[in-house]
Amino acid sequence: MTAGPTSGKPRFQVCGGGHLDRHLWLQSDPVMGRTNAARQTISTGGVAANIASHLAAYGGEVRFVGVQPADEAPAMAARLRATGIDAAILPLDGEVPGYSAVMGPDGELLIGAAAMSLYDDVTPEIITPHLDPALPLVMDANFPEAALRAMVEAGEAGRTLFAAGTSAGKVERLRACLPGLHALVLNRAEAACLTGHADAPVDMLARHLASGLAESGVVLVSDGGGEAALATRTDLARLTPPALKVVNVNGAGDAMAASLFWGLMTDPGLAVPTRLQTALAAGAAFAAGLPLPALAEPS
């Protein structure tokens, strides 16, 4: 992995899902087959876009590359630019992507619906010309495997590569990219899909996956409020996230990923247990609706 910057802002390019998220928050326990009172929030979403937003909030110089139908692209680009992100939203014919979630009064997801067919039409020819082969790349698993592989292969030797699993149904797309990754963030279900070990503890999943990454690669495997693990080929840490009142679990993994990726770029010598503790604190704060903890500036 290339070293973190010696001065100035850390630079990232982030590529993957970027769309609108709609969250409906039920005001009481759900009653099936009936209309339930709720409040609604609409925000920029997508694993990659969420990570980009957190990295920009930490003070990074962030470029985001994504796709939208031509009529929607300017609005999405404007949303991202308003948060300090340099956005390249490429036009692609198809259905507007989006995610809708119904959340219970306890902040837990009751049901989510993802309309993501547009991302399935992304090709290497659409994406790779818009990526800088030298800049660190963060990607999710929203795009097809061929596009993800092309993104990795188009980079210069030694370029830093980070990835986030996105979902159990999509994480398999990252398999061919694993040997080039310097960091991978997954939940337990995603890690089980990649390893084939559904009943293994998170520390075993993390260590198994770390053995298949780049030599300095790290893997974070989380399990909601349960124990999480961070592993390299030689080190391992386990920790249970801090217990905070949950407001919204959706997106907590993206907050953890951004915290981990930021730390790897700005403080590459940080001890594995401290790195895990920092990432889990970010995820817990996000889930509780609190500001994310401040992270170290590059030295």
Protein backbone atom coordinates (compact mmCIF):
# COMPACT_ATOMS: atom_id res chain seq x y z
CA MET A 1 0.00 0.00 0.00
CA THR A 2 1.27 3.44 -0.83
CA ALA A 3 2.08 5.52 2.20
CA GLY A 4 -0.20 8.22 3.52
CA PRO A 5 0.45 11.81 2.50
CA THR A 6 3.23 13.73 4.19
CA SER A 7 1.39 17.04 3.90
CA GLY A 8 -1.89 18.44 2.67
CA LYS A 9 -5.23 16.72 2.45
CA PRO A 10 -5.47 12.96 1.86
CA ARG A 11 -6.78 12.31 -1.64
CA PHE A 12 -9.32 9.62 -2.52
CA GLN A 13 -11.31 8.65 -5.56
CA VAL A 14 -14.48 6.71 -4.81
CA CYS A 15 -16.44 4.75 -7.39
CA GLY A 16 -19.74 2.92 -7.11
CA GLY A 17 -23.29 3.41 -5.93
CA GLY A 18 -24.60 6.95 -5.57
CA HIS A 19 -28.36 7.55 -5.49
CA LEU A 20 -31.16 8.81 -3.27
CA ASP A 21 -32.05 6.96 -0.07
CA ARG A 22 -35.56 7.28 1.32
CA HIS A 23 -36.08 6.29 4.95
CA LEU A 24 -39.53 5.95 6.47
CA TRP A 25 -39.45 5.96 10.28
CA LEU A 26 -42.50 4.31 11.82
CA GLN A 27 -43.85 6.13 14.85
CA SER A 28 -45.11 2.93 16.49
CA ASP A 29 -44.89 -0.82 16.05
CA PRO A 30 -45.81 -1.84 12.48
CA VAL A 31 -49.27 -3.12 11.65
CA MET A 32 -49.15 -5.24 8.52
CA GLY A 33 -51.82 -4.62 5.90
CA ARG A 34 -52.53 -1.13 7.24
CA THR A 35 -51.19 2.38 6.65
CA ASN A 36 -48.66 3.24 9.35
CA ALA A 37 -47.83 6.77 10.49
CA ALA A 38 -44.22 7.65 9.70
CA ARG A 39 -41.78 10.46 9.05
CA GLN A 40 -39.57 10.52 5.97
CA THR A 41 -36.02 11.55 5.21
CA ILE A 42 -34.43 11.74 1.76
CA SER A 43 -30.66 11.84 1.47
CA THR A 44 -27.79 10.91 -0.78
CA GLY A 45 -27.07 7.21 -0.40
CA GLY A 46 -25.21 4.26 -1.82
CA VAL A 47 -22.26 2.63 -0.07
CA ALA A 48 -19.65 4.40 -2.18
CA ALA A 49 -21.34 7.80 -1.94
CA ASN A 50 -21.76 7.43 1.82
CA ILE A 51 -18.08 6.63 2.25
CA ALA A 52 -17.14 9.56 0.01
CA SER A 53 -19.26 11.91 2.14
CA HIS A 54 -17.59 10.78 5.35
CA LEU A 55 -14.10 11.09 3.86
CA ALA A 56 -14.90 14.62 2.69
CA ALA A 57 -16.27 15.50 6.13
CA TYR A 58 -13.00 14.31 7.69
CA GLY A 59 -11.19 16.81 5.47
CA GLY A 60 -10.16 14.63 2.55
CA GLU A 61 -9.97 15.70 -1.07
CA VAL A 62 -12.53 13.36 -2.61
CA ARG A 63 -13.56 12.65 -6.18
CA PHE A 64 -16.64 10.49 -6.77
CA VAL A 65 -17.43 8.63 -10.00
CA GLY A 66 -20.91 7.17 -10.48
CA VAL A 67 -23.77 6.83 -12.94
CA GLN A 68 -27.31 8.17 -13.31
CA PRO A 69 -29.81 8.57 -16.15
CA ALA A 70 -28.91 11.71 -18.10
CA ASP A 71 -31.82 13.75 -16.70
CA GLU A 72 -30.86 12.92 -13.11
CA ALA A 73 -27.07 13.24 -13.35
CA PRO A 74 -26.81 17.04 -12.80
CA ALA A 75 -28.92 16.94 -9.64
CA MET A 76 -26.91 14.08 -8.13
CA ALA A 77 -23.64 15.81 -8.98
CA ALA A 78 -24.90 19.01 -7.35
CA ARG A 79 -25.85 17.13 -4.17
CA LEU A 80 -22.38 15.66 -3.87
CA ARG A 81 -20.59 18.89 -4.68
CA ALA A 82 -22.56 20.63 -1.96
CA THR A 83 -20.80 18.35 0.54
CA GLY A 84 -17.34 19.13 -0.82
CA ILE A 85 -17.01 16.21 -3.23
CA ASP A 86 -15.75 16.57 -6.80
CA ALA A 87 -18.43 14.54 -8.57
CA ALA A 88 -18.36 12.97 -12.02
CA ILE A 89 -21.83 11.50 -12.59
CA LEU A 90 -21.82 9.72 -15.93
CA PRO A 91 -25.02 9.47 -18.00
CA LEU A 92 -26.39 5.96 -18.53
CA ASP A 93 -29.78 4.99 -19.95
CA GLY A 94 -32.02 3.08 -17.58
CA GLU A 95 -34.16 3.25 -14.44
CA VAL A 96 -33.27 5.80 -11.78
CA PRO A 97 -31.48 3.90 -8.98
CA GLY A 98 -32.68 4.29 -5.43
CA TYR A 99 -33.11 2.67 -2.04
CA SER A 100 -36.09 2.80 0.30
CA ALA A 101 -36.09 1.58 3.88
CA VAL A 102 -38.81 1.19 6.47
CA MET A 103 -37.37 1.54 9.96
CA GLY A 104 -39.00 0.45 13.20
CA PRO A 105 -39.36 2.74 16.23
CA ASP A 106 -36.20 1.14 17.63
CA GLY A 107 -34.14 2.22 14.61
CA GLU A 108 -33.80 -1.29 13.24
CA LEU A 109 -34.45 -1.99 9.57
CA LEU A 110 -37.81 -3.69 8.99
CA ILE A 111 -37.61 -3.95 5.22
CA GLY A 112 -35.52 -2.38 2.51
CA ALA A 113 -36.12 -2.17 -1.22
CA ALA A 114 -33.30 -1.54 -3.67
CA ALA A 115 -33.89 -0.52 -7.29
CA MET A 116 -30.38 -0.88 -8.67
CA SER A 117 -30.79 -2.29 -12.19
CA LEU A 118 -28.95 0.70 -13.70
CA TYR A 119 -25.73 -0.36 -12.01
CA ASP A 120 -25.87 -3.76 -13.71
CA ASP A 121 -25.36 -2.01 -17.06
CA VAL A 122 -22.08 -0.34 -16.07
CA THR A 123 -19.19 -1.52 -18.25
CA PRO A 124 -15.43 -1.03 -17.99
CA GLU A 125 -15.57 1.31 -20.98
CA ILE A 126 -17.95 3.63 -19.12
CA ILE A 127 -16.01 3.86 -15.87
CA THR A 128 -12.27 3.38 -16.31
CA PRO A 129 -11.58 6.45 -18.51
CA HIS A 130 -12.77 8.64 -15.63
CA LEU A 131 -10.48 7.16 -12.97
CA ASP A 132 -7.00 8.41 -12.12
CA PRO A 133 -4.70 5.36 -12.25
CA ALA A 134 -2.45 6.77 -9.52
CA LEU A 135 -4.94 7.95 -6.89
CA PRO A 136 -6.13 5.68 -4.06
CA LEU A 137 -9.40 4.03 -5.09
CA VAL A 138 -12.34 3.14 -2.86
CA MET A 139 -15.04 0.97 -4.43
CA ASP A 140 -18.18 -0.83 -3.42
CA ALA A 141 -19.73 -3.92 -5.03
CA ASN A 142 -22.64 -2.20 -6.78
CA PHE A 143 -21.14 -2.49 -10.26
CA PRO A 144 -20.69 -5.78 -12.18
CA GLU A 145 -17.62 -7.91 -11.62
CA ALA A 146 -16.15 -7.02 -15.03
CA ALA A 147 -16.27 -3.32 -14.20
CA LEU A 148 -14.72 -3.86 -10.77
CA ARG A 149 -11.90 -5.96 -12.19
CA ALA A 150 -11.21 -3.37 -14.87
CA MET A 151 -11.08 -0.62 -12.24
CA VAL A 152 -8.44 -2.56 -10.33
CA GLU A 153 -6.42 -3.54 -13.40
CA ALA A 154 -6.40 0.01 -14.78
CA GLY A 155 -4.45 1.32 -11.79
CA GLU A 156 -0.73 1.82 -11.54
CA ALA A 157 1.32 -0.78 -9.69
CA GLY A 158 1.15 -0.19 -5.95
CA ARG A 159 -1.96 1.98 -6.04
CA THR A 160 -3.92 1.81 -2.80
CA LEU A 161 -7.22 -0.08 -3.18
CA PHE A 162 -10.02 -0.22 -0.61
CA ALA A 163 -13.41 -1.96 -0.91
CA ALA A 164 -16.67 -2.33 1.00
CA GLY A 165 -18.91 -5.37 0.64
CA THR A 166 -22.28 -3.65 -0.07
CA SER A 167 -24.51 -6.73 0.41
CA ALA A 168 -24.37 -10.51 0.70
CA GLY A 169 -25.89 -10.74 -2.76
CA LYS A 170 -23.20 -8.59 -4.39
CA VAL A 171 -20.03 -9.24 -2.43
CA GLU A 172 -19.05 -12.18 -4.65
CA ARG A 173 -18.27 -9.63 -7.36
CA LEU A 174 -15.22 -8.59 -5.35
CA ARG A 175 -13.63 -12.05 -5.22
CA ALA A 176 -11.36 -11.57 -8.22
CA CYS A 177 -10.23 -8.20 -6.81
CA LEU A 178 -9.17 -9.50 -3.38
CA PRO A 179 -5.46 -10.04 -4.12
CA GLY A 180 -5.06 -6.36 -4.99
CA LEU A 181 -6.97 -4.91 -2.04
CA HIS A 182 -5.29 -3.16 0.89
CA ALA A 183 -8.47 -3.01 2.98
CA LEU A 184 -11.84 -4.74 2.89
CA VAL A 185 -14.85 -3.98 5.10
CA LEU A 186 -17.64 -6.55 5.39
CA ASN A 187 -20.46 -7.56 7.66
CA ARG A 188 -20.63 -11.12 8.90
CA ALA A 189 -23.04 -12.27 6.17
CA GLU A 190 -20.82 -10.89 3.42
CA ALA A 191 -17.71 -12.45 4.94
CA ALA A 192 -19.50 -15.80 5.18
CA CYS A 193 -20.37 -15.62 1.48
CA LEU A 194 -16.76 -15.02 0.48
CA THR A 195 -15.31 -17.70 2.75
CA GLY A 196 -18.08 -20.30 2.65
CA HIS A 197 -17.95 -20.55 6.46
CA ALA A 198 -21.35 -19.39 7.67
CA ASP A 199 -20.84 -20.54 11.26
CA ALA A 200 -17.28 -19.31 11.79
CA PRO A 201 -16.61 -16.56 14.36
CA VAL A 202 -15.78 -13.11 13.02
CA ASP A 203 -12.09 -13.38 13.96
CA MET A 204 -11.67 -16.53 11.86
CA LEU A 205 -13.51 -14.92 8.95
CA ALA A 206 -11.33 -11.82 9.10
CA ARG A 207 -8.08 -13.76 9.35
CA HIS A 208 -9.06 -16.08 6.50
CA LEU A 209 -9.86 -13.16 4.20
CA ALA A 210 -6.77 -11.16 5.19
CA SER A 211 -4.59 -14.02 3.99
CA GLY A 212 -5.92 -13.45 0.46
CA LEU A 213 -5.44 -9.68 0.28
CA ALA A 214 -2.35 -7.68 -0.65
CA GLU A 215 0.57 -8.24 1.72
CA SER A 216 -0.29 -5.29 3.97
CA GLY A 217 -4.06 -5.75 3.63
CA VAL A 218 -6.52 -5.46 6.51
CA VAL A 219 -10.02 -6.92 6.82
CA LEU A 220 -12.75 -5.63 9.12
CA VAL A 221 -15.69 -7.96 9.77
CA SER A 222 -18.57 -6.58 11.84
CA ASP A 223 -21.67 -8.27 13.22
CA GLY A 224 -24.12 -5.55 14.22
CA GLY A 225 -23.89 -5.03 17.95
CA GLY A 226 -21.87 -8.22 18.36
CA GLU A 227 -18.14 -8.74 18.33
CA ALA A 228 -16.15 -7.39 15.38
CA ALA A 229 -12.67 -8.32 14.22
CA LEU A 230 -9.86 -6.61 12.34
CA ALA A 231 -7.12 -8.79 10.88
CA THR A 232 -3.95 -8.56 8.86
CA ARG A 233 -1.80 -11.51 7.87
CA THR A 234 0.05 -11.23 11.18
CA ASP A 235 -2.21 -9.36 13.63
CA LEU A 236 -5.74 -9.73 14.94
CA ALA A 237 -7.98 -7.69 17.21
CA ARG A 238 -11.50 -8.39 18.48
CA LEU A 239 -13.84 -5.91 20.10
CA THR A 240 -17.53 -5.39 20.82
CA PRO A 241 -18.88 -2.01 19.66
CA PRO A 242 -19.89 0.52 22.32
CA ALA A 243 -23.52 0.12 23.40
CA LEU A 244 -25.42 3.26 22.38
CA LYS A 245 -29.10 3.86 21.76
CA VAL A 246 -29.71 3.03 18.11
CA VAL A 247 -31.37 5.62 15.89
CA ASN A 248 -30.44 4.19 12.49
CA VAL A 249 -28.30 1.15 11.75
CA ASN A 250 -28.43 1.73 7.99
CA GLY A 251 -25.10 3.23 6.93
CA ALA A 252 -23.17 2.39 10.09
CA GLY A 253 -20.93 0.04 8.13
CA ASP A 254 -20.12 2.81 5.66
CA ALA A 255 -19.09 5.06 8.55
CA MET A 256 -16.82 2.30 9.86
CA ALA A 257 -15.31 1.83 6.42
CA ALA A 258 -14.58 5.53 5.96
CA SER A 259 -12.95 5.71 9.39
CA LEU A 260 -10.75 2.71 8.62
CA PHE A 261 -9.75 3.96 5.17
CA TRP A 262 -8.96 7.43 6.50
CA GLY A 263 -6.77 6.01 9.24
CA LEU A 264 -4.86 3.76 6.86
CA MET A 265 -3.97 6.78 4.73
CA THR A 266 -3.19 9.25 7.50
CA ASP A 267 -1.67 7.00 10.18
CA PRO A 268 -0.44 3.77 8.57
CA GLY A 269 1.50 2.75 11.68
CA LEU A 270 -1.50 2.69 14.03
CA ALA A 271 -1.84 -0.50 16.07
CA VAL A 272 -4.51 -2.94 14.92
CA PRO A 273 -6.54 -2.86 18.18
CA THR A 274 -6.64 0.95 18.12
CA ARG A 275 -7.61 0.94 14.47
CA LEU A 276 -10.52 -1.39 15.19
CA GLN A 277 -11.65 0.64 18.19
CA THR A 278 -11.64 3.83 16.10
CA ALA A 279 -13.68 2.28 13.29
CA LEU A 280 -16.26 0.79 15.65
CA ALA A 281 -16.63 4.11 17.45
CA ALA A 282 -17.48 5.77 14.13
CA GLY A 283 -20.07 3.12 13.30
CA ALA A 284 -21.66 3.29 16.74
CA ALA A 285 -21.82 7.09 16.66
CA PHE A 286 -23.52 7.03 13.25
CA ALA A 287 -26.05 4.43 14.39
CA ALA A 288 -26.84 6.57 17.43
CA GLY A 289 -27.32 9.70 15.34
CA LEU A 290 -24.27 11.37 16.89
CA PRO A 291 -21.45 13.28 15.16
CA LEU A 292 -18.67 10.98 14.03
CA PRO A 293 -15.57 11.14 16.26
CA ALA A 294 -12.82 13.41 15.00
CA LEU A 295 -9.94 11.56 13.36
CA ALA A 296 -6.26 12.34 13.16
CA GLU A 297 -5.01 14.82 10.59
CA PRO A 298 -2.13 13.71 8.37
CA SER A 299 1.21 14.41 9.99
